[in-house]
Amino acid sequence: MPIIVSGHCHLSNGTKPTLFYESSGIIVKDEKKIEYKCRIFNDQISLEFTESLGTDDDIFRFSRHIVDSMFLTLVPYHRVGIDYTLESARKQDGSIVNSIPDKAPAVDPIDCDQITLQKMLGKEPRLRYAIRDYNHGLLNREDCPFYFYRCIETLAKLVTDDDEINNDVWKQLHDTLGTERSDLQTLEEINRPHRHGTHSEFNKAQHLKMMEEVTNFLTKSINHIRQSCE
């Protein structure tokens, strides 16, 4: 029984696209060749693999790479933003699994309620930009190093009230938040090639660590800004 992955796509305004595109090929995992077929029909996505891909996370990770390439092929011709989600998979044993959204590990709690944070976002555009990048990073695992690091850079400008990023600004940020440079070590190392166009691969443990690091800085920044507004 083949593995079947399904999902949906939509245009940048949320409406259903009028699309038809299908592709087939071979991926290599652990030196094993696995055939796949993928079809996009309007807003429906269907992807089929002939053999096991390993863990549930592997199934969706390989599927995203294939589907991402197909949509990136379509975008230059349609000249409109297209987004997609892969929602579920039927495994070889017949069981159905749902794609689990990336969730950052827990850190210290945010010291304000949601209404207070919303008011802070209205007063501090840079905080809104930072959380927007944080959100984009959680939505897009492959590009998260860039979005997460830019989130922290924006927070540094906000906390220090300085529009230039330099060593003095980083030192002031760490002094204010009680953090150290090592607190963003994984993100800093992986972001460096990504921000310059080299999309180096990272594993699941590194991904979890990057999510933890950016969440830590975001939470501490929110708590600092709230206290400074009192």
C-alpha atoms as a PDB file:
ATOM      1  CA  MET A   1       0.000   0.000   0.000  1.00  0.00           C
ATOM      2  CA  PRO A   2       1.471   3.410  -0.965  1.00  0.00           C
ATOM      3  CA  ILE A   3       1.805   6.366   1.367  1.00  0.00           C
ATOM      4  CA  ILE A   4      -0.652   9.133   0.403  1.00  0.00           C
ATOM      5  CA  VAL A   5      -0.262  12.713   1.635  1.00  0.00           C
ATOM      6  CA  SER A   6      -3.022  15.290   1.127  1.00  0.00           C
ATOM      7  CA  GLY A   7      -3.346  19.024   1.538  1.00  0.00           C
ATOM      8  CA  HIS A   8      -4.769  22.280   0.220  1.00  0.00           C
ATOM      9  CA  CYS A   9      -3.461  25.454  -1.364  1.00  0.00           C
ATOM     10  CA  HIS A  10      -4.775  29.001  -1.707  1.00  0.00           C
ATOM     11  CA  LEU A  11      -3.874  32.298  -3.339  1.00  0.00           C
ATOM     12  CA  SER A  12      -2.492  35.256  -1.403  1.00  0.00           C
ATOM     13  CA  ASN A  13      -6.035  36.580  -0.811  1.00  0.00           C
ATOM     14  CA  GLY A  14      -7.212  33.211   0.557  1.00  0.00           C
ATOM     15  CA  THR A  15      -9.284  32.196  -2.479  1.00  0.00           C
ATOM     16  CA  LYS A  16      -9.179  28.854  -4.285  1.00  0.00           C
ATOM     17  CA  PRO A  17      -6.807  28.814  -7.290  1.00  0.00           C
ATOM     18  CA  THR A  18      -7.543  27.314 -10.686  1.00  0.00           C
ATOM     19  CA  LEU A  19      -4.565  25.036 -11.159  1.00  0.00           C
ATOM     20  CA  PHE A  20      -3.579  21.726 -12.640  1.00  0.00           C
ATOM     21  CA  TYR A  21      -0.051  20.396 -12.403  1.00  0.00           C
ATOM     22  CA  GLU A  22       1.334  16.912 -11.898  1.00  0.00           C
ATOM     23  CA  SER A  23       4.828  15.580 -11.509  1.00  0.00           C
ATOM     24  CA  SER A  24       6.599  12.321 -10.738  1.00  0.00           C
ATOM     25  CA  GLY A  25      10.140  11.354  -9.884  1.00  0.00           C
ATOM     26  CA  ILE A  26      12.483   9.658  -7.456  1.00  0.00           C
ATOM     27  CA  ILE A  27      13.841  10.769  -4.102  1.00  0.00           C
ATOM     28  CA  VAL A  28      16.753   9.110  -2.328  1.00  0.00           C
ATOM     29  CA  LYS A  29      16.574   8.428   1.417  1.00  0.00           C
ATOM     30  CA  ASP A  30      19.283   6.423   3.181  1.00  0.00           C
ATOM     31  CA  GLU A  31      20.595   5.322  -0.239  1.00  0.00           C
ATOM     32  CA  LYS A  32      17.152   3.904  -1.089  1.00  0.00           C
ATOM     33  CA  LYS A  33      15.303   5.187  -4.161  1.00  0.00           C
ATOM     34  CA  ILE A  34      11.630   5.972  -3.566  1.00  0.00           C
ATOM     35  CA  GLU A  35       9.241   6.847  -6.396  1.00  0.00           C
ATOM     36  CA  TYR A  36       6.625   9.566  -5.969  1.00  0.00           C
ATOM     37  CA  LYS A  37       3.714  11.095  -7.868  1.00  0.00           C
ATOM     38  CA  CYS A  38       2.189  14.459  -7.039  1.00  0.00           C
ATOM     39  CA  ARG A  39      -0.878  16.227  -8.419  1.00  0.00           C
ATOM     40  CA  ILE A  40      -2.226  19.714  -7.797  1.00  0.00           C
ATOM     41  CA  PHE A  41      -5.835  20.185  -8.949  1.00  0.00           C
ATOM     42  CA  ASN A  42      -7.411  23.529  -8.084  1.00  0.00           C
ATOM     43  CA  ASP A  43      -6.857  23.733  -4.306  1.00  0.00           C
ATOM     44  CA  GLN A  44      -6.307  19.999  -3.770  1.00  0.00           C
ATOM     45  CA  ILE A  45      -2.855  18.449  -3.269  1.00  0.00           C
ATOM     46  CA  SER A  46      -2.260  14.702  -3.480  1.00  0.00           C
ATOM     47  CA  LEU A  47       1.163  13.092  -3.106  1.00  0.00           C
ATOM     48  CA  GLU A  48       1.899   9.356  -3.333  1.00  0.00           C
ATOM     49  CA  PHE A  49       5.053   7.430  -2.313  1.00  0.00           C
ATOM     50  CA  THR A  50       5.761   3.809  -3.217  1.00  0.00           C
ATOM     51  CA  GLU A  51       7.742   2.975  -0.046  1.00  0.00           C
ATOM     52  CA  SER A  52       8.179   3.947   3.581  1.00  0.00           C
ATOM     53  CA  LEU A  53       9.799   7.285   4.378  1.00  0.00           C
ATOM     54  CA  GLY A  54      10.485   6.578   8.041  1.00  0.00           C
ATOM     55  CA  THR A  55       8.926   8.668  10.795  1.00  0.00           C
ATOM     56  CA  ASP A  56       5.785  10.777  10.494  1.00  0.00           C
ATOM     57  CA  ASP A  57       7.993  13.869  10.547  1.00  0.00           C
ATOM     58  CA  ASP A  58      10.020  12.440   7.625  1.00  0.00           C
ATOM     59  CA  ILE A  59       6.845  11.850   5.612  1.00  0.00           C
ATOM     60  CA  PHE A  60       5.779  15.481   5.826  1.00  0.00           C
ATOM     61  CA  ARG A  61       9.335  16.830   5.530  1.00  0.00           C
ATOM     62  CA  PHE A  62       9.989  15.056   2.220  1.00  0.00           C
ATOM     63  CA  SER A  63       6.485  15.913   1.016  1.00  0.00           C
ATOM     64  CA  ARG A  64       7.026  19.613   1.702  1.00  0.00           C
ATOM     65  CA  HIS A  65      10.223  19.616  -0.367  1.00  0.00           C
ATOM     66  CA  ILE A  66       8.433  18.111  -3.371  1.00  0.00           C
ATOM     67  CA  VAL A  67       5.289  20.236  -3.116  1.00  0.00           C
ATOM     68  CA  ASP A  68       7.339  23.370  -2.480  1.00  0.00           C
ATOM     69  CA  SER A  69       9.273  22.822  -5.714  1.00  0.00           C
ATOM     70  CA  MET A  70       6.045  22.342  -7.654  1.00  0.00           C
ATOM     71  CA  PHE A  71       4.478  25.554  -6.381  1.00  0.00           C
ATOM     72  CA  LEU A  72       7.674  27.522  -6.912  1.00  0.00           C
ATOM     73  CA  THR A  73       7.528  26.302 -10.516  1.00  0.00           C
ATOM     74  CA  LEU A  74       4.012  27.712 -10.871  1.00  0.00           C
ATOM     75  CA  VAL A  75       4.549  31.107  -9.226  1.00  0.00           C
ATOM     76  CA  PRO A  76       6.662  32.758 -11.995  1.00  0.00           C
ATOM     77  CA  TYR A  77       3.991  31.871 -14.561  1.00  0.00           C
ATOM     78  CA  HIS A  78       0.947  32.929 -12.538  1.00  0.00           C
ATOM     79  CA  ARG A  79       2.728  35.905 -10.903  1.00  0.00           C
ATOM     80  CA  VAL A  80       0.660  35.666  -7.736  1.00  0.00           C
ATOM     81  CA  GLY A  81       1.492  34.360  -4.271  1.00  0.00           C
ATOM     82  CA  ILE A  82       0.425  30.759  -3.631  1.00  0.00           C
ATOM     83  CA  ASP A  83       0.529  29.160  -0.187  1.00  0.00           C
ATOM     84  CA  TYR A  84      -0.190  25.591   0.844  1.00  0.00           C
ATOM     85  CA  THR A  85      -0.550  23.244   3.809  1.00  0.00           C
ATOM     86  CA  LEU A  86      -0.082  19.479   4.000  1.00  0.00           C
ATOM     87  CA  GLU A  87      -2.638  18.191   6.467  1.00  0.00           C
ATOM     88  CA  SER A  88      -2.708  14.402   6.673  1.00  0.00           C
ATOM     89  CA  ALA A  89      -1.113  11.197   5.460  1.00  0.00           C
ATOM     90  CA  ARG A  90      -2.257   7.610   5.084  1.00  0.00           C
ATOM     91  CA  LYS A  91       0.642   5.380   6.012  1.00  0.00           C
ATOM     92  CA  GLN A  92       1.449   1.946   4.588  1.00  0.00           C
ATOM     93  CA  ASP A  93      -0.354   0.174   7.441  1.00  0.00           C
ATOM     94  CA  GLY A  94      -3.530   2.103   6.619  1.00  0.00           C
ATOM     95  CA  SER A  95      -3.393   4.417   9.632  1.00  0.00           C
ATOM     96  CA  ILE A  96      -4.058   8.143   9.229  1.00  0.00           C
ATOM     97  CA  VAL A  97      -1.748  10.733  10.796  1.00  0.00           C
ATOM     98  CA  ASN A  98      -2.192  14.489  10.852  1.00  0.00           C
ATOM     99  CA  SER A  99       0.622  16.942  10.288  1.00  0.00           C
ATOM    100  CA  ILE A 100       1.610  18.463  13.627  1.00  0.00           C
ATOM    101  CA  PRO A 101       2.384  22.215  13.539  1.00  0.00           C
ATOM    102  CA  ASP A 102       5.803  23.286  14.749  1.00  0.00           C
ATOM    103  CA  LYS A 103       5.534  24.535  18.329  1.00  0.00           C
ATOM    104  CA  ALA A 104       8.371  26.211  20.177  1.00  0.00           C
ATOM    105  CA  PRO A 105       9.500  24.697  23.499  1.00  0.00           C
ATOM    106  CA  ALA A 106       8.267  26.430  26.636  1.00  0.00           C
ATOM    107  CA  VAL A 107      10.379  29.134  28.280  1.00  0.00           C
ATOM    108  CA  ASP A 108       9.598  31.656  31.043  1.00  0.00           C
ATOM    109  CA  PRO A 109       5.974  32.873  30.839  1.00  0.00           C
ATOM    110  CA  ILE A 110       4.854  36.176  29.354  1.00  0.00           C
ATOM    111  CA  ASP A 111       3.990  38.543  32.203  1.00  0.00           C
ATOM    112  CA  CYS A 112       0.915  40.139  30.667  1.00  0.00           C
ATOM    113  CA  ASP A 113      -2.428  39.126  29.200  1.00  0.00           C
ATOM    114  CA  GLN A 114      -3.309  39.131  25.510  1.00  0.00           C
ATOM    115  CA  ILE A 115      -5.203  42.447  25.592  1.00  0.00           C
ATOM    116  CA  THR A 116      -2.164  44.180  27.088  1.00  0.00           C
ATOM    117  CA  LEU A 117       0.102  42.654  24.446  1.00  0.00           C
ATOM    118  CA  GLN A 118      -2.258  43.766  21.685  1.00  0.00           C
ATOM    119  CA  LYS A 119      -2.089  47.339  22.981  1.00  0.00           C
ATOM    120  CA  MET A 120       1.709  47.092  23.058  1.00  0.00           C
ATOM    121  CA  LEU A 121       1.699  45.990  19.409  1.00  0.00           C
ATOM    122  CA  GLY A 122      -0.348  49.059  18.518  1.00  0.00           C
ATOM    123  CA  LYS A 123       2.175  51.357  20.200  1.00  0.00           C
ATOM    124  CA  GLU A 124       5.380  49.555  19.120  1.00  0.00           C
ATOM    125  CA  PRO A 125       5.542  48.761  15.373  1.00  0.00           C
ATOM    126  CA  ARG A 126       8.921  47.043  15.810  1.00  0.00           C
ATOM    127  CA  LEU A 127       7.362  44.581  18.236  1.00  0.00           C
ATOM    128  CA  ARG A 128       4.723  43.799  15.631  1.00  0.00           C
ATOM    129  CA  TYR A 129       7.430  43.270  12.995  1.00  0.00           C
ATOM    130  CA  ALA A 130       9.346  40.981  15.354  1.00  0.00           C
ATOM    131  CA  ILE A 131       6.340  38.791  16.175  1.00  0.00           C
ATOM    132  CA  ARG A 132       5.401  38.690  12.493  1.00  0.00           C
ATOM    133  CA  ASP A 133       8.842  37.250  11.694  1.00  0.00           C
ATOM    134  CA  TYR A 134       8.482  34.839  14.618  1.00  0.00           C
ATOM    135  CA  ASN A 135       5.176  33.678  13.145  1.00  0.00           C
ATOM    136  CA  HIS A 136       6.670  33.291   9.648  1.00  0.00           C
ATOM    137  CA  GLY A 137       9.490  31.216  11.128  1.00  0.00           C
ATOM    138  CA  LEU A 138       7.028  28.886  12.854  1.00  0.00           C
ATOM    139  CA  LEU A 139       5.085  28.495   9.607  1.00  0.00           C
ATOM    140  CA  ASN A 140       8.111  27.835   7.410  1.00  0.00           C
ATOM    141  CA  ARG A 141      10.624  25.443   8.946  1.00  0.00           C
ATOM    142  CA  GLU A 142      13.145  25.649   6.106  1.00  0.00           C
ATOM    143  CA  ASP A 143      13.387  29.454   6.243  1.00  0.00           C
ATOM    144  CA  CYS A 144      13.054  29.802  10.022  1.00  0.00           C
ATOM    145  CA  PRO A 145      16.746  30.632  10.694  1.00  0.00           C
ATOM    146  CA  PHE A 146      16.409  33.864   8.722  1.00  0.00           C
ATOM    147  CA  TYR A 147      13.043  34.873  10.190  1.00  0.00           C
ATOM    148  CA  PHE A 148      13.988  34.000  13.773  1.00  0.00           C
ATOM    149  CA  TYR A 149      17.286  35.875  13.641  1.00  0.00           C
ATOM    150  CA  ARG A 150      15.658  38.933  12.082  1.00  0.00           C
ATOM    151  CA  CYS A 151      13.068  38.784  14.869  1.00  0.00           C
ATOM    152  CA  ILE A 152      15.850  39.060  17.459  1.00  0.00           C
ATOM    153  CA  GLU A 153      17.565  41.851  15.519  1.00  0.00           C
ATOM    154  CA  THR A 154      14.308  43.814  15.509  1.00  0.00           C
ATOM    155  CA  LEU A 155      13.886  43.182  19.228  1.00  0.00           C
ATOM    156  CA  ALA A 156      17.427  44.469  19.805  1.00  0.00           C
ATOM    157  CA  LYS A 157      16.551  47.715  18.036  1.00  0.00           C
ATOM    158  CA  LEU A 158      13.338  48.000  20.030  1.00  0.00           C
ATOM    159  CA  VAL A 159      14.812  47.265  23.464  1.00  0.00           C
ATOM    160  CA  THR A 160      17.818  49.561  22.952  1.00  0.00           C
ATOM    161  CA  ASP A 161      15.896  52.177  20.920  1.00  0.00           C
ATOM    162  CA  ASP A 162      18.680  52.134  18.327  1.00  0.00           C
ATOM    163  CA  ASP A 163      18.229  51.565  14.602  1.00  0.00           C
ATOM    164  CA  GLU A 164      21.796  50.364  14.100  1.00  0.00           C
ATOM    165  CA  ILE A 165      22.937  46.830  14.886  1.00  0.00           C
ATOM    166  CA  ASN A 166      26.489  46.718  16.270  1.00  0.00           C
ATOM    167  CA  ASN A 167      28.412  45.208  19.167  1.00  0.00           C
ATOM    168  CA  ASP A 168      27.346  47.958  21.545  1.00  0.00           C
ATOM    169  CA  VAL A 169      23.682  47.341  20.765  1.00  0.00           C
ATOM    170  CA  TRP A 170      24.056  43.592  21.290  1.00  0.00           C
ATOM    171  CA  LYS A 171      25.807  44.200  24.617  1.00  0.00           C
ATOM    172  CA  GLN A 172      23.082  46.576  25.732  1.00  0.00           C
ATOM    173  CA  LEU A 173      20.405  44.055  24.731  1.00  0.00           C
ATOM    174  CA  HIS A 174      22.051  41.274  26.732  1.00  0.00           C
ATOM    175  CA  ASP A 175      22.600  43.551  29.739  1.00  0.00           C
ATOM    176  CA  THR A 176      18.956  44.636  29.672  1.00  0.00           C
ATOM    177  CA  LEU A 177      17.413  41.191  29.209  1.00  0.00           C
ATOM    178  CA  GLY A 178      19.924  39.271  31.306  1.00  0.00           C
ATOM    179  CA  THR A 179      20.968  37.119  28.351  1.00  0.00           C
ATOM    180  CA  GLU A 180      24.278  36.175  26.774  1.00  0.00           C
ATOM    181  CA  ARG A 181      25.485  35.665  23.223  1.00  0.00           C
ATOM    182  CA  SER A 182      25.583  31.920  23.837  1.00  0.00           C
ATOM    183  CA  ASP A 183      21.796  32.042  24.345  1.00  0.00           C
ATOM    184  CA  LEU A 184      21.404  32.356  20.571  1.00  0.00           C
ATOM    185  CA  GLN A 185      24.374  30.219  19.531  1.00  0.00           C
ATOM    186  CA  THR A 186      22.491  27.654  17.438  1.00  0.00           C
ATOM    187  CA  LEU A 187      20.394  30.266  15.671  1.00  0.00           C
ATOM    188  CA  GLU A 188      23.420  32.469  15.019  1.00  0.00           C
ATOM    189  CA  GLU A 189      25.429  29.604  13.520  1.00  0.00           C
ATOM    190  CA  ILE A 190      22.660  28.302  11.260  1.00  0.00           C
ATOM    191  CA  ASN A 191      21.322  31.710  10.270  1.00  0.00           C
ATOM    192  CA  ARG A 192      24.679  32.967   8.982  1.00  0.00           C
ATOM    193  CA  PRO A 193      24.719  30.886   5.773  1.00  0.00           C
ATOM    194  CA  HIS A 194      20.927  31.151   5.320  1.00  0.00           C
ATOM    195  CA  ARG A 195      20.831  34.939   5.329  1.00  0.00           C
ATOM    196  CA  HIS A 196      23.467  34.969   2.589  1.00  0.00           C
ATOM    197  CA  GLY A 197      21.629  32.521   0.344  1.00  0.00           C
ATOM    198  CA  THR A 198      23.131  29.211   1.473  1.00  0.00           C
ATOM    199  CA  HIS A 199      20.293  27.003   2.690  1.00  0.00           C
ATOM    200  CA  SER A 200      22.247  24.543   4.791  1.00  0.00           C
ATOM    201  CA  GLU A 201      20.333  21.604   6.230  1.00  0.00           C
ATOM    202  CA  PHE A 202      19.627  21.344   9.953  1.00  0.00           C
ATOM    203  CA  ASN A 203      18.203  18.503  11.996  1.00  0.00           C
ATOM    204  CA  LYS A 204      15.152  18.309  14.241  1.00  0.00           C
ATOM    205  CA  ALA A 205      17.130  18.902  17.454  1.00  0.00           C
ATOM    206  CA  GLN A 206      18.702  22.058  15.992  1.00  0.00           C
ATOM    207  CA  HIS A 207      15.274  23.244  14.854  1.00  0.00           C
ATOM    208  CA  LEU A 208      13.870  22.802  18.365  1.00  0.00           C
ATOM    209  CA  LYS A 209      16.846  24.672  19.801  1.00  0.00           C
ATOM    210  CA  MET A 210      16.389  27.604  17.409  1.00  0.00           C
ATOM    211  CA  MET A 211      12.701  27.837  18.332  1.00  0.00           C
ATOM    212  CA  GLU A 212      13.631  27.810  22.018  1.00  0.00           C
ATOM    213  CA  GLU A 213      16.270  30.527  21.583  1.00  0.00           C
ATOM    214  CA  VAL A 214      14.066  32.974  19.693  1.00  0.00           C
ATOM    215  CA  THR A 215      11.118  32.366  22.048  1.00  0.00           C
ATOM    216  CA  ASN A 216      13.351  33.135  25.007  1.00  0.00           C
ATOM    217  CA  PHE A 217      14.423  36.497  23.544  1.00  0.00           C
ATOM    218  CA  LEU A 218      10.899  37.374  22.455  1.00  0.00           C
ATOM    219  CA  THR A 219       9.407  36.581  25.860  1.00  0.00           C
ATOM    220  CA  LYS A 220      12.083  38.518  27.769  1.00  0.00           C
ATOM    221  CA  SER A 221      11.664  41.482  25.400  1.00  0.00           C
ATOM    222  CA  ILE A 222       7.888  41.553  25.834  1.00  0.00           C
ATOM    223  CA  ASN A 223       8.262  41.424  29.620  1.00  0.00           C
ATOM    224  CA  HIS A 224      10.846  44.233  29.558  1.00  0.00           C
ATOM    225  CA  ILE A 225       8.724  46.468  27.334  1.00  0.00           C
ATOM    226  CA  ARG A 226       5.648  45.891  29.505  1.00  0.00           C
ATOM    227  CA  GLN A 227       7.576  46.859  32.645  1.00  0.00           C
ATOM    228  CA  SER A 228       8.999  49.979  30.987  1.00  0.00           C
ATOM    229  CA  CYS A 229       5.460  51.103  30.082  1.00  0.00           C
ATOM    230  CA  GLU A 230       4.199  50.919  33.657  1.00  0.00           C
END
